[in-house]
């Protein structure tokens, strides 16, 4: 394939190169313009995510406190 492109006339090779570059640019542009599916659209979903995040934070604090107390009890 590469050898065949090298045998093309310079003008045609240039047009082909520009076409390939434009195709790559369009594909990248299309991928960038895709909607962000990770974003939460509804207010209810945002609230649930916020509550879940806070709950995880509380659980992590409780877990670390419990482990700390267990380590302290083992040292005694």
C-alpha atoms as a PDB file:
ATOM      1  CA  UNK A   1       0.000   0.000   0.000  1.00  0.00           C
ATOM      2  CA  UNK A   2       2.766   2.469   0.950  1.00  0.00           C
ATOM      3  CA  UNK A   3       4.697   1.613  -2.209  1.00  0.00           C
ATOM      4  CA  UNK A   4       1.620   2.281  -4.330  1.00  0.00           C
ATOM      5  CA  UNK A   5       1.088   5.719  -2.763  1.00  0.00           C
ATOM      6  CA  UNK A   6       4.719   6.539  -3.519  1.00  0.00           C
ATOM      7  CA  UNK A   7       4.089   5.857  -7.176  1.00  0.00           C
ATOM      8  CA  UNK A   8       1.190   8.336  -7.375  1.00  0.00           C
ATOM      9  CA  UNK A   9       1.695  11.748  -8.979  1.00  0.00           C
ATOM     10  CA  UNK A  10       2.631  14.390  -6.375  1.00  0.00           C
ATOM     11  CA  UNK A  11      -0.640  16.320  -6.698  1.00  0.00           C
ATOM     12  CA  UNK A  12      -2.745  13.203  -6.172  1.00  0.00           C
ATOM     13  CA  UNK A  13      -0.582  12.093  -3.232  1.00  0.00           C
ATOM     14  CA  UNK A  14      -1.029  15.530  -1.662  1.00  0.00           C
ATOM     15  CA  UNK A  15      -4.808  15.381  -2.086  1.00  0.00           C
ATOM     16  CA  UNK A  16      -4.850  11.875  -0.615  1.00  0.00           C
ATOM     17  CA  UNK A  17      -2.712  13.016   2.341  1.00  0.00           C
ATOM     18  CA  UNK A  18      -4.989  15.981   3.020  1.00  0.00           C
ATOM     19  CA  UNK A  19      -8.029  13.690   2.814  1.00  0.00           C
ATOM     20  CA  UNK A  20      -6.521  11.235   5.315  1.00  0.00           C
ATOM     21  CA  UNK A  21      -5.589  14.057   7.709  1.00  0.00           C
ATOM     22  CA  UNK A  22      -9.092  15.539   7.427  1.00  0.00           C
ATOM     23  CA  UNK A  23     -10.573  12.122   8.153  1.00  0.00           C
ATOM     24  CA  UNK A  24      -8.410  11.749  11.278  1.00  0.00           C
ATOM     25  CA  UNK A  25      -9.352  15.252  12.443  1.00  0.00           C
ATOM     26  CA  UNK A  26     -13.058  14.519  11.924  1.00  0.00           C
ATOM     27  CA  UNK A  27     -12.861  11.264  13.888  1.00  0.00           C
ATOM     28  CA  UNK A  28     -11.056  12.954  16.788  1.00  0.00           C
ATOM     29  CA  UNK A  29     -13.490  15.883  16.714  1.00  0.00           C
ATOM     30  CA  UNK A  30     -16.431  13.477  16.742  1.00  0.00           C
ATOM     31  CA  UNK A  31     -15.005  11.598  19.718  1.00  0.00           C
ATOM     32  CA  UNK A  32     -14.401  14.823  21.635  1.00  0.00           C
ATOM     33  CA  UNK A  33     -17.951  16.026  20.914  1.00  0.00           C
ATOM     34  CA  UNK A  34     -19.546  12.849  22.317  1.00  0.00           C
ATOM     35  CA  UNK A  35     -21.732  13.575  25.351  1.00  0.00           C
ATOM     36  CA  UNK A  36     -20.219  12.872  28.742  1.00  0.00           C
ATOM     37  CA  UNK A  37     -22.121   9.831  29.989  1.00  0.00           C
ATOM     38  CA  UNK A  38     -20.446   9.960  33.401  1.00  0.00           C
ATOM     39  CA  UNK A  39     -22.154  13.263  34.224  1.00  0.00           C
ATOM     40  CA  UNK A  40     -25.291  13.023  36.310  1.00  0.00           C
ATOM     41  CA  UNK A  41     -28.117  14.893  34.664  1.00  0.00           C
ATOM     42  CA  UNK A  42     -31.018  14.744  37.115  1.00  0.00           C
ATOM     43  CA  UNK A  43     -30.903  16.552  40.474  1.00  0.00           C
ATOM     44  CA  UNK A  44     -32.099  13.380  42.214  1.00  0.00           C
ATOM     45  CA  UNK A  45     -29.177  11.414  40.811  1.00  0.00           C
ATOM     46  CA  UNK A  46     -26.759  14.135  41.913  1.00  0.00           C
ATOM     47  CA  UNK A  47     -28.226  14.078  45.434  1.00  0.00           C
ATOM     48  CA  UNK A  48     -27.982  10.281  45.612  1.00  0.00           C
ATOM     49  CA  UNK A  49     -24.373  10.407  44.470  1.00  0.00           C
ATOM     50  CA  UNK A  50     -23.595  13.081  47.075  1.00  0.00           C
ATOM     51  CA  UNK A  51     -25.228  11.041  49.859  1.00  0.00           C
ATOM     52  CA  UNK A  52     -23.376   7.923  48.718  1.00  0.00           C
ATOM     53  CA  UNK A  53     -20.087   9.820  48.753  1.00  0.00           C
ATOM     54  CA  UNK A  54     -20.720  11.164  52.258  1.00  0.00           C
ATOM     55  CA  UNK A  55     -21.758   7.730  53.479  1.00  0.00           C
ATOM     56  CA  UNK A  56     -18.562   6.197  52.127  1.00  0.00           C
ATOM     57  CA  UNK A  57     -16.551   8.921  53.839  1.00  0.00           C
ATOM     58  CA  UNK A  58     -18.307   8.257  57.170  1.00  0.00           C
ATOM     59  CA  UNK A  59     -17.827   4.503  56.818  1.00  0.00           C
ATOM     60  CA  UNK A  60     -14.120   4.996  56.069  1.00  0.00           C
ATOM     61  CA  UNK A  61     -13.716   7.162  59.196  1.00  0.00           C
ATOM     62  CA  UNK A  62     -15.522   4.576  61.315  1.00  0.00           C
ATOM     63  CA  UNK A  63     -13.424   1.760  59.848  1.00  0.00           C
ATOM     64  CA  UNK A  64     -10.155   3.581  60.495  1.00  0.00           C
ATOM     65  CA  UNK A  65     -11.254   4.414  64.067  1.00  0.00           C
ATOM     66  CA  UNK A  66     -12.245   0.797  64.730  1.00  0.00           C
ATOM     67  CA  UNK A  67      -8.914  -0.477  63.341  1.00  0.00           C
ATOM     68  CA  UNK A  68      -7.042   2.081  65.436  1.00  0.00           C
ATOM     69  CA  UNK A  69      -8.855   0.941  68.594  1.00  0.00           C
ATOM     70  CA  UNK A  70      -8.134  -2.691  67.741  1.00  0.00           C
ATOM     71  CA  UNK A  71      -4.427  -1.950  67.249  1.00  0.00           C
ATOM     72  CA  UNK A  72      -4.356  -0.060  70.565  1.00  0.00           C
ATOM     73  CA  UNK A  73      -6.103  -2.971  72.330  1.00  0.00           C
ATOM     74  CA  UNK A  74      -3.596  -5.462  70.868  1.00  0.00           C
ATOM     75  CA  UNK A  75      -0.651  -3.418  72.132  1.00  0.00           C
ATOM     76  CA  UNK A  76      -1.908  -3.622  75.723  1.00  0.00           C
END
